[in-house]
Amino acid sequence: MGIFSRMSDIINANINSMLDKAEDPEKMIRLIIQEMEDTLVEVRSSSARVLADRKAAARRVEQLQGEAQTWEKKAKLAISKGREDLARAALQEKREIEEELEAVGNELAATDDHIEQLNDEIAKLQSKLNDAKAKKKALVMRSQTVESRIKVKRQVNREALDEAFGRFEHFERRMDTLESQLDAMDLGKDVAPSLAAEIDALAEDEKITEELERLKAELGEGDRSSSADKA
């Protein structure tokens, strides 16, 4: 692919479309910028050669114009001396020089058109390059923003998880406390009573028995009194 064909392809390329299709837009735009910069270097190098050729052609035009004027002066001198034959020969030389001058003039005009076209395309390519660099800067900023958001989101999620685990641990500790309180209430229930406690229980039982007998006796006397009254 020629340098000018490649430059035309770059100028006509839709950078946004290329970036949308790329798996790594930042890498793609770096490659695009590198391609543009390399192309600009080549185009400017070619432009320098064209400008050098134009200067050479311009010097050749000046040289031919001077030679044509010289032969015209010689023709005039020959006529003044009555040498028409020499005048004709001088004019013939002048005519050949003028033909070459016309050809070089046409070449110079074409070179000027080429330089104008190069200037226009270089300006477009530079504009495209500036646009690509701006998009690169925007992409880098966007990438940094996304990374920052991801970092913040991860931090928030981590804090949320830590908070959830903290609440769970607090609940576990609360349940352990309640279970311990329940266990404390049952302490001693399964332990055999001491000797003193058994004796005290016997004494208590004896008192209850005496009280029971007393009540029975009272009830028995009451029954006998009721029978006597009836009789």
Protein backbone atom coordinates (compact mmCIF):
# COMPACT_ATOMS: atom_id res chain seq x y z
CA MET A 1 0.00 0.00 0.00
CA GLY A 2 1.41 3.41 -0.99
CA ILE A 3 1.92 6.12 1.55
CA PHE A 4 -0.76 8.35 0.06
CA SER A 5 -3.27 5.52 -0.18
CA ARG A 6 -2.63 4.69 3.47
CA MET A 7 -2.98 8.34 4.44
CA SER A 8 -6.29 8.54 2.57
CA ASP A 9 -7.52 5.39 4.37
CA ILE A 10 -6.59 6.88 7.73
CA ILE A 11 -8.26 10.21 6.98
CA ASN A 12 -11.45 8.47 5.86
CA ALA A 13 -11.42 5.98 8.73
CA ASN A 14 -14.09 6.25 11.42
CA ILE A 15 -12.14 6.10 14.67
CA ASN A 16 -15.27 5.75 16.81
CA SER A 17 -16.40 2.71 14.81
CA MET A 18 -12.96 1.13 15.10
CA LEU A 19 -12.89 1.66 18.85
CA ASP A 20 -16.41 0.23 19.28
CA LYS A 21 -15.34 -2.98 17.55
CA ALA A 22 -12.02 -3.31 19.37
CA GLU A 23 -11.63 -5.68 22.31
CA ASP A 24 -9.09 -3.29 23.82
CA PRO A 25 -10.01 0.27 22.70
CA GLU A 26 -7.06 1.85 24.51
CA LYS A 27 -4.60 -0.45 22.75
CA MET A 28 -6.36 0.11 19.42
CA ILE A 29 -6.17 3.89 19.69
CA ARG A 30 -2.48 3.67 20.60
CA LEU A 31 -1.89 1.72 17.39
CA ILE A 32 -3.97 4.23 15.41
CA ILE A 33 -1.96 7.14 16.81
CA GLN A 34 1.31 5.36 16.07
CA GLU A 35 0.18 4.67 12.50
CA MET A 36 -0.83 8.30 12.02
CA GLU A 37 2.42 9.64 13.42
CA ASP A 38 4.48 7.28 11.23
CA THR A 39 2.42 8.29 8.19
CA LEU A 40 2.87 11.98 8.99
CA VAL A 41 6.64 11.51 9.16
CA GLU A 42 6.63 9.76 5.77
CA VAL A 43 4.33 12.36 4.20
CA ARG A 44 6.42 15.25 5.48
CA SER A 45 9.55 13.54 4.19
CA SER A 46 7.91 13.12 0.77
CA SER A 47 6.70 16.72 0.91
CA ALA A 48 10.25 17.88 1.56
CA ARG A 49 11.41 16.06 -1.59
CA VAL A 50 8.55 17.61 -3.61
CA LEU A 51 9.47 21.06 -2.33
CA ALA A 52 13.10 20.46 -3.25
CA ASP A 53 12.01 19.41 -6.78
CA ARG A 54 9.89 22.56 -7.04
CA LYS A 55 12.84 24.77 -6.11
CA ALA A 56 14.95 23.05 -8.74
CA ALA A 57 12.22 23.53 -11.35
CA ALA A 58 11.83 27.20 -10.39
CA ARG A 59 15.58 27.72 -10.81
CA ARG A 60 15.43 25.98 -14.20
CA VAL A 61 12.59 28.33 -15.27
CA GLU A 62 14.65 31.36 -14.32
CA GLN A 63 17.65 29.93 -16.14
CA LEU A 64 15.66 29.22 -19.31
CA GLN A 65 14.05 32.64 -19.20
CA GLY A 66 17.50 34.20 -19.03
CA GLU A 67 18.75 32.08 -21.94
CA ALA A 68 15.71 32.98 -24.04
CA GLN A 69 16.35 36.69 -23.41
CA THR A 70 20.01 36.23 -24.32
CA TRP A 71 19.17 34.60 -27.67
CA GLU A 72 16.68 37.34 -28.41
CA LYS A 73 19.39 39.94 -27.83
CA LYS A 74 21.72 38.02 -30.11
CA ALA A 75 19.03 37.90 -32.81
CA LYS A 76 18.60 41.67 -32.54
CA LEU A 77 22.36 42.19 -32.78
CA ALA A 78 22.56 39.98 -35.87
CA ILE A 79 19.72 41.92 -37.52
CA SER A 80 21.47 45.22 -36.71
CA LYS A 81 24.58 43.90 -38.41
CA GLY A 82 22.65 42.77 -41.44
CA ARG A 83 23.10 39.09 -40.65
CA GLU A 84 19.54 37.79 -40.97
CA ASP A 85 20.81 34.25 -41.23
CA LEU A 86 22.39 34.51 -37.79
CA ALA A 87 19.25 36.19 -36.47
CA ARG A 88 17.16 33.25 -37.67
CA ALA A 89 19.53 30.79 -36.02
CA ALA A 90 19.37 32.77 -32.75
CA LEU A 91 15.57 32.85 -32.85
CA GLN A 92 15.53 29.08 -33.48
CA GLU A 93 17.61 28.57 -30.32
CA LYS A 94 15.24 30.86 -28.47
CA ARG A 95 12.25 28.85 -29.74
CA GLU A 96 13.70 25.57 -28.47
CA ILE A 97 14.40 27.13 -25.10
CA GLU A 98 10.85 28.47 -24.90
CA GLU A 99 9.47 24.99 -25.60
CA GLU A 100 11.56 23.60 -22.76
CA LEU A 101 10.49 26.54 -20.62
CA GLU A 102 6.83 25.71 -21.28
CA ALA A 103 7.39 22.08 -20.29
CA VAL A 104 9.22 23.04 -17.11
CA GLY A 105 6.52 25.64 -16.37
CA ASN A 106 3.84 22.95 -16.68
CA GLU A 107 5.85 20.69 -14.38
CA LEU A 108 6.19 23.53 -11.88
CA ALA A 109 2.42 24.18 -11.95
CA ALA A 110 1.72 20.47 -11.38
CA THR A 111 4.18 20.48 -8.49
CA ASP A 112 2.42 23.47 -6.95
CA ASP A 113 -0.91 21.62 -7.21
CA HIS A 114 0.69 18.56 -5.61
CA ILE A 115 2.10 20.65 -2.76
CA GLU A 116 -1.28 22.27 -2.18
CA GLN A 117 -2.90 18.84 -2.05
CA LEU A 118 -0.23 17.61 0.35
CA ASN A 119 -0.78 20.60 2.63
CA ASP A 120 -4.51 19.92 2.66
CA GLU A 121 -4.10 16.20 3.39
CA ILE A 122 -1.43 16.81 6.02
CA ALA A 123 -3.77 19.28 7.74
CA LYS A 124 -6.58 16.69 7.67
CA LEU A 125 -4.27 13.97 8.97
CA GLN A 126 -3.02 16.26 11.74
CA SER A 127 -6.61 17.04 12.69
CA LYS A 128 -7.39 13.32 12.73
CA LEU A 129 -4.31 12.70 14.87
CA ASN A 130 -5.35 15.41 17.34
CA ASP A 131 -8.81 13.84 17.50
CA ALA A 132 -7.29 10.41 18.18
CA LYS A 133 -5.07 11.81 20.93
CA ALA A 134 -8.06 13.52 22.52
CA LYS A 135 -9.99 10.24 22.42
CA LYS A 136 -7.00 8.45 23.94
CA LYS A 137 -6.95 10.95 26.81
CA ALA A 138 -10.70 10.50 27.27
CA LEU A 139 -10.31 6.71 27.21
CA VAL A 140 -7.54 6.80 29.79
CA MET A 141 -9.62 9.05 32.05
CA ARG A 142 -12.65 6.80 31.55
CA SER A 143 -10.57 3.73 32.33
CA GLN A 144 -9.22 5.35 35.50
CA THR A 145 -12.75 6.35 36.52
CA VAL A 146 -14.03 2.81 35.97
CA GLU A 147 -11.13 1.36 37.97
CA SER A 148 -11.81 3.81 40.79
CA ARG A 149 -15.51 2.94 40.78
CA ILE A 150 -14.70 -0.77 40.86
CA LYS A 151 -12.29 -0.20 43.74
CA VAL A 152 -14.89 1.81 45.67
CA LYS A 153 -17.59 -0.79 44.94
CA ARG A 154 -15.34 -3.58 46.16
CA GLN A 155 -14.59 -1.59 49.31
CA VAL A 156 -18.30 -0.97 49.90
CA ASN A 157 -19.11 -4.64 49.34
CA ARG A 158 -16.31 -5.63 51.70
CA GLU A 159 -17.62 -3.25 54.35
CA ALA A 160 -21.15 -4.60 53.87
CA LEU A 161 -19.88 -8.16 54.28
CA ASP A 162 -17.88 -7.20 57.36
CA GLU A 163 -20.97 -5.57 58.82
CA ALA A 164 -23.11 -8.63 58.07
CA PHE A 165 -20.52 -10.94 59.64
CA GLY A 166 -20.36 -8.61 62.64
CA ARG A 167 -24.13 -8.77 63.12
CA PHE A 168 -24.05 -12.56 62.80
CA GLU A 169 -21.27 -12.88 65.37
CA HIS A 170 -23.18 -10.56 67.71
CA PHE A 171 -26.29 -12.76 67.31
CA GLU A 172 -24.24 -15.88 68.00
CA ARG A 173 -22.82 -14.32 71.16
CA ARG A 174 -26.34 -13.34 72.28
CA MET A 175 -27.61 -16.88 71.72
CA ASP A 176 -24.63 -18.28 73.65
CA THR A 177 -25.49 -15.95 76.56
CA LEU A 178 -29.16 -17.00 76.62
CA GLU A 179 -28.28 -20.69 76.44
CA SER A 180 -25.79 -20.21 79.28
CA GLN A 181 -28.49 -18.57 81.40
CA LEU A 182 -30.83 -21.52 80.76
CA ASP A 183 -28.09 -23.99 81.65
CA ALA A 184 -27.41 -22.06 84.86
CA MET A 185 -31.05 -22.44 85.89
CA ASP A 186 -30.79 -26.23 85.70
CA LEU A 187 -27.59 -26.42 87.77
CA GLY A 188 -27.99 -28.65 90.89
CA LYS A 189 -31.19 -30.34 89.82
CA ASP A 190 -29.49 -33.62 89.00
CA VAL A 191 -27.17 -33.57 92.08
CA ALA A 192 -28.00 -36.02 94.94
CA PRO A 193 -29.23 -34.23 98.13
CA SER A 194 -26.83 -34.00 101.06
CA LEU A 195 -27.30 -35.96 104.35
CA ALA A 196 -28.43 -32.88 106.23
CA ALA A 197 -30.98 -32.15 103.56
CA GLU A 198 -32.35 -35.71 103.80
CA ILE A 199 -32.65 -35.49 107.58
CA ASP A 200 -34.36 -32.14 107.34
CA ALA A 201 -36.74 -33.68 104.82
CA LEU A 202 -37.53 -36.49 107.24
CA ALA A 203 -38.21 -34.01 109.99
CA GLU A 204 -40.42 -32.02 107.73
CA ASP A 205 -42.22 -35.18 106.71
CA GLU A 206 -42.73 -36.12 110.37
CA LYS A 207 -44.26 -32.75 111.11
CA ILE A 208 -46.58 -33.11 108.22
CA THR A 209 -47.55 -36.60 109.42
CA GLU A 210 -48.32 -35.30 112.92
CA GLU A 211 -50.37 -32.51 111.47
CA LEU A 212 -52.24 -35.01 109.35
CA GLU A 213 -52.99 -37.26 112.35
CA ARG A 214 -54.20 -34.26 114.31
CA LEU A 215 -56.58 -33.32 111.59
CA LYS A 216 -57.84 -36.89 111.36
CA ALA A 217 -58.36 -37.00 115.12
CA GLU A 218 -60.30 -33.80 115.04
CA LEU A 219 -62.40 -35.07 112.26
CA GLY A 220 -62.99 -38.35 114.14
CA GLU A 221 -64.15 -36.52 117.28
CA GLY A 222 -66.39 -34.41 115.25
CA ASP A 223 -68.03 -37.46 113.75
CA ARG A 224 -68.67 -38.97 117.21
CA SER A 225 -70.20 -35.77 118.48
CA SER A 226 -72.56 -35.68 115.58
CA SER A 227 -73.69 -39.29 116.30
CA ALA A 228 -74.37 -38.52 120.00
CA ASP A 229 -76.47 -35.52 119.15
CA LYS A 230 -78.63 -37.59 116.85
CA ALA A 231 -79.18 -40.18 119.50
